[in-house]
Amino acid sequence: MSTLSIQLFGKFSVHADGQPLEGLDAFKVQELLSYLLVHRERPHTRESLAGLLWGETATDKSKKYLRQALWHLQSALEGRNGGGDAGGNDDGSLLSTGHDWVRFNADSAVWLDVAVFERAFARVQGKAGRDLDDETKRLVEAAAELYKGDLLEGWYQDWCLYDRERLQNMYLVMLDKLISYCEAHRDYEMGLLHGSIILRYDGARERTHRQLMHLLYMSGDRTAALRQYERCVAALRQELDVAPDRRTIALYQQIRLDQLEERALPPAEPDTTADTPAASLPDVLGRLQQLQLVMSDVQRRLQQDIKAVQQALKN
């Protein structure tokens, strides 16, 4: 039996022993296979598959089209298996089928990029990036390398758009964990690379801007850290029409005043929105100090604007 390799990140691709698998040229055959692979954890009724892929046609015709697509898919897989029954339940077959249902066979010998990616995400879900051991960090890096592009690029079906966003969010979470790991281990260059990738997908991701500001400052480039803040402000204004939150402003002021202290581990930023406890006196004083820094910066900028206007009037 040949080894089957399926890539769903980026462009749809199926290879057997390094060669493209023949018989999968029809788009609906590709979509059927892709849907079964992405949702491989459960069986699917033939009726639901027919409605999903051919919902605009009558029920009897959509079921006919499904039977035809399954036949083409099974024919391609039979050729790959050397004539075996791809529609049965024998080990090694890709599909398991019944009178009313179809599912991906979890026992089949198939390499699927999405499956490897999701297993890596499950391995680190709920773990802080700074707490990853070296082996798990390498696992996450390998999973991130599999993300050659968004799920099934160029496809715009509703189910695909939903799963594309789901997997993209998983990708960004894993990159975020890698940034925290790099920050904790002072691997600033690699952390900056991961952060730049995140911002390509979500330019207004404020947490990532803060991470990059800190990485740049700790790498010795305070000017670049301050410019990163300006990019954050611009992105938030353009995409969300909001100002940076107090954590971002406080970090900016610390960097501007050259008062950011190096730390062995990055601060934990909770991913959940827990109830905020009553502020203690030190908390209140700290916030007042942050407010004073912000007001000082606003006053400085206002004076610069006034001077600029006065100079323009003179000219």
Protein backbone atom coordinates (compact mmCIF):
# COMPACT_ATOMS: atom_id res chain seq x y z
CA MET A 1 0.00 0.00 0.00
CA SER A 2 1.29 3.45 -0.90
CA THR A 3 1.66 6.21 1.65
CA LEU A 4 -1.00 8.90 1.34
CA SER A 5 -0.21 12.50 2.29
CA ILE A 6 -2.96 15.13 2.37
CA GLN A 7 -2.43 18.87 2.70
CA LEU A 8 -5.38 21.14 3.44
CA PHE A 9 -3.47 24.21 4.63
CA GLY A 10 -2.98 26.48 1.65
CA LYS A 11 -3.89 24.72 -1.59
CA PHE A 12 -5.65 21.34 -1.57
CA SER A 13 -3.10 18.62 -2.28
CA VAL A 14 -3.14 14.80 -2.13
CA HIS A 15 -0.01 12.77 -2.88
CA ALA A 16 0.70 9.05 -2.90
CA ASP A 17 4.38 8.20 -2.49
CA GLY A 18 5.26 11.77 -3.42
CA GLN A 19 3.18 11.83 -6.60
CA PRO A 20 -0.19 13.62 -7.08
CA LEU A 21 -3.07 11.19 -6.64
CA GLU A 22 -5.09 10.87 -9.84
CA GLY A 23 -8.88 10.91 -9.96
CA LEU A 24 -9.46 13.89 -7.67
CA ASP A 25 -9.73 16.65 -10.27
CA ALA A 26 -13.46 17.32 -9.80
CA PHE A 27 -13.99 20.12 -7.29
CA LYS A 28 -16.96 18.49 -5.52
CA VAL A 29 -14.90 15.33 -5.00
CA GLN A 30 -12.19 17.46 -3.40
CA GLU A 31 -14.74 19.27 -1.24
CA LEU A 32 -16.33 16.00 -0.10
CA LEU A 33 -12.98 14.55 0.88
CA SER A 34 -11.89 17.77 2.60
CA TYR A 35 -15.07 18.05 4.64
CA LEU A 36 -14.83 14.42 5.79
CA LEU A 37 -11.21 14.96 6.79
CA VAL A 38 -11.75 18.22 8.67
CA HIS A 39 -14.75 16.66 10.47
CA ARG A 40 -13.21 13.23 10.81
CA GLU A 41 -14.27 12.69 14.42
CA ARG A 42 -17.81 11.53 13.57
CA PRO A 43 -19.90 9.87 10.83
CA HIS A 44 -22.06 11.98 8.52
CA THR A 45 -25.41 11.06 7.08
CA ARG A 46 -25.62 10.94 3.32
CA GLU A 47 -28.56 13.30 3.46
CA SER A 48 -26.60 15.96 5.37
CA LEU A 49 -23.62 15.65 3.00
CA ALA A 50 -25.86 15.94 -0.06
CA GLY A 51 -27.53 19.03 1.39
CA LEU A 52 -24.21 20.59 2.33
CA LEU A 53 -22.54 20.13 -1.05
CA TRP A 54 -25.55 20.43 -3.36
CA GLY A 55 -28.04 22.37 -1.28
CA GLU A 56 -29.24 24.38 -4.26
CA THR A 57 -30.55 21.30 -6.09
CA ALA A 58 -33.51 19.00 -5.47
CA THR A 59 -33.06 16.27 -2.86
CA ASP A 60 -33.11 13.35 -5.29
CA LYS A 61 -30.52 15.02 -7.54
CA SER A 62 -28.26 16.01 -4.64
CA LYS A 63 -28.20 12.41 -3.40
CA LYS A 64 -27.37 11.25 -6.91
CA TYR A 65 -24.51 13.74 -7.13
CA LEU A 66 -23.23 12.52 -3.76
CA ARG A 67 -23.24 8.89 -4.94
CA GLN A 68 -21.28 9.92 -8.03
CA ALA A 69 -18.75 11.91 -6.00
CA LEU A 70 -18.29 9.00 -3.59
CA TRP A 71 -17.74 6.64 -6.51
CA HIS A 72 -15.05 8.89 -8.00
CA LEU A 73 -13.43 9.27 -4.59
CA GLN A 74 -13.48 5.55 -3.90
CA SER A 75 -12.13 4.79 -7.38
CA ALA A 76 -9.15 7.06 -6.74
CA LEU A 77 -8.52 5.43 -3.38
CA GLU A 78 -8.88 1.91 -4.77
CA GLY A 79 -6.17 2.70 -7.28
CA ARG A 80 -3.99 3.92 -4.45
CA ASN A 81 -4.65 0.74 -2.45
CA GLY A 82 -3.97 -1.52 -5.39
CA GLY A 83 -7.58 -2.48 -6.00
CA GLY A 84 -8.82 -2.83 -2.42
CA ASP A 85 -12.31 -1.84 -1.31
CA ALA A 86 -11.94 1.82 -0.25
CA GLY A 87 -15.58 1.94 0.70
CA GLY A 88 -15.40 -0.88 3.19
CA ASN A 89 -14.20 -0.98 6.78
CA ASP A 90 -10.89 -2.81 6.25
CA ASP A 91 -7.88 -1.32 7.96
CA GLY A 92 -6.04 1.04 5.67
CA SER A 93 -9.05 2.29 3.76
CA LEU A 94 -9.66 6.00 3.93
CA LEU A 95 -13.44 5.91 4.08
CA SER A 96 -15.94 3.85 6.02
CA THR A 97 -19.40 3.83 4.47
CA GLY A 98 -22.82 2.50 5.32
CA HIS A 99 -26.24 2.61 3.74
CA ASP A 100 -27.02 6.00 5.26
CA TRP A 101 -23.67 7.33 6.44
CA VAL A 102 -20.07 8.07 5.49
CA ARG A 103 -17.06 8.82 7.67
CA PHE A 104 -13.29 9.12 7.60
CA ASN A 105 -11.66 5.93 8.86
CA ALA A 106 -9.49 6.87 11.82
CA ASP A 107 -7.49 3.64 11.37
CA SER A 108 -6.34 4.49 7.85
CA ALA A 109 -2.64 5.06 7.21
CA VAL A 110 -2.87 8.68 6.12
CA TRP A 111 -0.75 11.70 6.96
CA LEU A 112 -3.00 14.77 7.29
CA ASP A 113 -1.52 18.18 8.08
CA VAL A 114 -4.66 19.39 9.88
CA ALA A 115 -4.68 16.31 12.13
CA VAL A 116 -1.04 16.80 13.15
CA PHE A 117 -1.69 20.50 13.71
CA GLU A 118 -4.73 19.91 15.92
CA ARG A 119 -2.95 17.27 18.01
CA ALA A 120 -0.15 19.74 18.73
CA PHE A 121 -2.65 22.40 19.73
CA ALA A 122 -4.43 19.97 22.08
CA ARG A 123 -1.05 19.16 23.64
CA VAL A 124 -0.43 22.78 24.70
CA GLN A 125 -3.98 24.01 25.22
CA GLY A 126 -4.24 25.68 28.60
CA LYS A 127 -0.46 25.81 29.08
CA ALA A 128 1.44 29.06 29.32
CA GLY A 129 4.06 29.47 26.61
CA ARG A 130 6.77 30.33 29.10
CA ASP A 131 6.18 26.96 30.86
CA LEU A 132 6.70 24.79 27.77
CA ASP A 133 9.57 22.31 27.89
CA ASP A 134 11.96 22.09 24.96
CA GLU A 135 10.29 19.02 23.45
CA THR A 136 6.82 20.58 23.51
CA LYS A 137 8.20 23.83 22.13
CA ARG A 138 9.67 21.93 19.17
CA LEU A 139 6.32 20.20 18.67
CA VAL A 140 4.54 23.55 18.49
CA GLU A 141 7.16 24.93 16.09
CA ALA A 142 6.70 21.92 13.81
CA ALA A 143 2.92 22.39 13.88
CA ALA A 144 3.27 26.07 13.03
CA GLU A 145 5.47 25.12 10.07
CA LEU A 146 2.60 23.05 8.69
CA TYR A 147 0.47 26.17 8.39
CA LYS A 148 1.42 26.95 4.80
CA GLY A 149 -1.63 29.15 4.42
CA ASP A 150 -5.22 29.34 5.58
CA LEU A 151 -7.39 26.27 5.27
CA LEU A 152 -8.20 25.50 1.62
CA GLU A 153 -7.27 28.89 0.21
CA GLY A 154 -9.62 30.05 -2.53
CA TRP A 155 -12.62 28.16 -1.16
CA TYR A 156 -15.53 30.22 0.21
CA GLN A 157 -18.18 27.75 1.32
CA ASP A 158 -19.76 28.54 4.69
CA TRP A 159 -18.39 25.42 6.39
CA CYS A 160 -14.91 26.17 5.08
CA LEU A 161 -14.97 29.79 6.25
CA TYR A 162 -15.95 28.69 9.76
CA ASP A 163 -13.22 26.04 10.03
CA ARG A 164 -10.69 28.38 8.41
CA GLU A 165 -11.23 30.95 11.17
CA ARG A 166 -11.14 28.23 13.85
CA LEU A 167 -7.81 26.86 12.66
CA GLN A 168 -6.35 30.31 12.10
CA ASN A 169 -7.15 31.22 15.71
CA MET A 170 -5.40 28.04 16.85
CA TYR A 171 -2.38 29.02 14.77
CA LEU A 172 -2.22 32.48 16.34
CA VAL A 173 -2.54 31.01 19.83
CA MET A 174 0.39 28.68 19.20
CA LEU A 175 2.51 31.53 17.83
CA ASP A 176 1.61 33.55 20.91
CA LYS A 177 2.84 30.72 23.13
CA LEU A 178 6.09 30.59 21.15
CA ILE A 179 6.57 34.34 21.70
CA SER A 180 6.18 33.87 25.44
CA TYR A 181 8.67 30.99 25.35
CA CYS A 182 11.17 33.07 23.39
CA GLU A 183 10.74 36.02 25.73
CA ALA A 184 11.33 33.83 28.78
CA HIS A 185 14.47 32.35 27.20
CA ARG A 186 15.71 35.67 25.76
CA ASP A 187 15.46 34.46 22.18
CA TYR A 188 14.35 37.91 21.06
CA GLU A 189 14.97 37.50 17.33
CA MET A 190 12.75 34.43 16.99
CA GLY A 191 10.10 35.98 19.22
CA LEU A 192 9.99 39.05 16.97
CA LEU A 193 9.56 36.79 13.93
CA HIS A 194 6.58 35.00 15.49
CA GLY A 195 5.04 38.32 16.46
CA SER A 196 5.38 39.78 12.98
CA ILE A 197 3.52 36.78 11.56
CA ILE A 198 0.65 37.27 14.02
CA LEU A 199 0.29 40.92 13.03
CA ARG A 200 -0.02 39.94 9.36
CA TYR A 201 -3.24 38.19 10.29
CA ASP A 202 -4.45 40.58 12.98
CA GLY A 203 -2.81 43.98 12.84
CA ALA A 204 -4.79 45.27 15.82
CA ARG A 205 -3.83 42.44 18.19
CA GLU A 206 -2.78 44.66 21.08
CA ARG A 207 -1.26 41.89 23.19
CA THR A 208 1.15 41.08 20.37
CA HIS A 209 2.14 44.74 19.99
CA ARG A 210 3.00 44.79 23.70
CA GLN A 211 5.05 41.63 23.36
CA LEU A 212 6.98 43.11 20.45
CA MET A 213 7.55 46.36 22.32
CA HIS A 214 9.04 44.42 25.20
CA LEU A 215 11.14 42.16 22.96
CA LEU A 216 12.53 45.11 21.02
CA TYR A 217 13.42 47.01 24.18
CA MET A 218 15.07 44.00 25.78
CA SER A 219 17.04 43.37 22.60
CA GLY A 220 18.53 46.85 23.00
CA ASP A 221 16.44 48.75 20.42
CA ARG A 222 14.39 51.25 22.40
CA THR A 223 13.68 53.36 19.31
CA ALA A 224 12.10 50.39 17.51
CA ALA A 225 10.06 49.60 20.63
CA LEU A 226 8.65 53.15 20.66
CA ARG A 227 7.87 52.92 16.96
CA GLN A 228 6.07 49.65 17.60
CA TYR A 229 3.82 51.54 20.01
CA GLU A 230 3.03 54.08 17.29
CA ARG A 231 2.11 51.27 14.92
CA CYS A 232 -0.13 49.82 17.61
CA VAL A 233 -1.90 53.16 18.09
CA ALA A 234 -2.41 53.55 14.35
CA ALA A 235 -3.73 50.00 13.89
CA LEU A 236 -6.18 50.31 16.77
CA ARG A 237 -7.42 53.65 15.48
CA GLN A 238 -7.80 52.44 11.90
CA GLU A 239 -9.35 49.03 12.53
CA LEU A 240 -11.29 49.49 15.77
CA ASP A 241 -11.40 53.26 16.36
CA VAL A 242 -10.15 52.81 19.94
CA ALA A 243 -7.15 53.98 21.94
CA PRO A 244 -4.58 51.61 23.52
CA ASP A 245 -5.50 50.21 26.91
CA ARG A 246 -3.72 51.20 30.09
CA ARG A 247 -1.29 48.26 30.01
CA THR A 248 -0.02 49.29 26.59
CA ILE A 249 0.26 52.94 27.59
CA ALA A 250 2.06 52.05 30.83
CA LEU A 251 4.55 49.89 28.92
CA TYR A 252 5.13 52.71 26.44
CA GLN A 253 5.85 55.17 29.24
CA GLN A 254 8.29 52.78 30.90
CA ILE A 255 10.14 52.33 27.62
CA ARG A 256 10.10 56.05 26.82
CA LEU A 257 11.56 56.87 30.23
CA ASP A 258 14.00 53.97 29.97
CA GLN A 259 12.61 52.47 33.17
CA LEU A 260 11.60 49.02 31.98
CA GLU A 261 13.43 46.42 34.04
CA GLU A 262 14.53 43.11 32.57
CA ARG A 263 12.75 40.10 33.94
CA ALA A 264 13.42 36.40 33.68
CA LEU A 265 9.83 35.58 32.77
CA PRO A 266 7.18 37.61 30.94
CA PRO A 267 4.08 38.69 32.88
CA ALA A 268 1.14 36.36 32.62
CA GLU A 269 -1.80 37.91 30.82
CA PRO A 270 -4.98 35.94 31.56
CA ASP A 271 -6.97 34.74 28.57
CA THR A 272 -10.23 34.71 30.52
CA THR A 273 -12.28 37.67 31.71
CA ALA A 274 -12.44 37.01 35.43
CA ASP A 275 -14.18 39.40 37.80
CA THR A 276 -11.88 42.25 38.80
CA PRO A 277 -11.26 42.39 42.58
CA ALA A 278 -11.46 45.63 44.49
CA ALA A 279 -8.36 47.74 43.95
CA SER A 280 -5.92 48.00 46.84
CA LEU A 281 -4.18 51.24 47.83
CA PRO A 282 -0.96 50.28 45.97
CA ASP A 283 -3.04 49.54 42.89
CA VAL A 284 -4.72 52.93 43.09
CA LEU A 285 -1.40 54.72 43.53
CA GLY A 286 0.06 52.79 40.62
CA ARG A 287 -2.81 53.77 38.38
CA LEU A 288 -2.50 57.40 39.43
CA GLN A 289 1.17 57.29 38.52
CA GLN A 290 0.29 55.83 35.11
CA LEU A 291 -2.29 58.58 34.62
CA GLN A 292 0.29 61.24 35.45
CA LEU A 293 2.65 59.76 32.88
CA VAL A 294 -0.08 59.73 30.26
CA MET A 295 -1.04 63.35 31.01
CA SER A 296 2.61 64.37 30.80
CA ASP A 297 2.89 62.75 27.40
CA VAL A 298 -0.32 64.39 26.18
CA GLN A 299 0.95 67.78 27.34
CA ARG A 300 4.25 67.24 25.54
CA ARG A 301 2.51 66.32 22.32
CA LEU A 302 0.16 69.29 22.62
CA GLN A 303 3.10 71.66 23.00
CA GLN A 304 4.70 70.15 19.91
CA ASP A 305 1.48 70.66 17.95
CA ILE A 306 1.21 74.28 19.09
CA LYS A 307 4.79 74.97 18.01
CA ALA A 308 4.11 73.35 14.65
CA VAL A 309 1.04 75.54 14.11
CA GLN A 310 2.91 78.68 15.13
CA GLN A 311 5.73 77.84 12.74
CA ALA A 312 3.24 77.25 9.93
CA LEU A 313 1.60 80.64 10.55
CA LYS A 314 4.98 82.37 10.40
CA ASN A 315 5.70 80.78 7.05
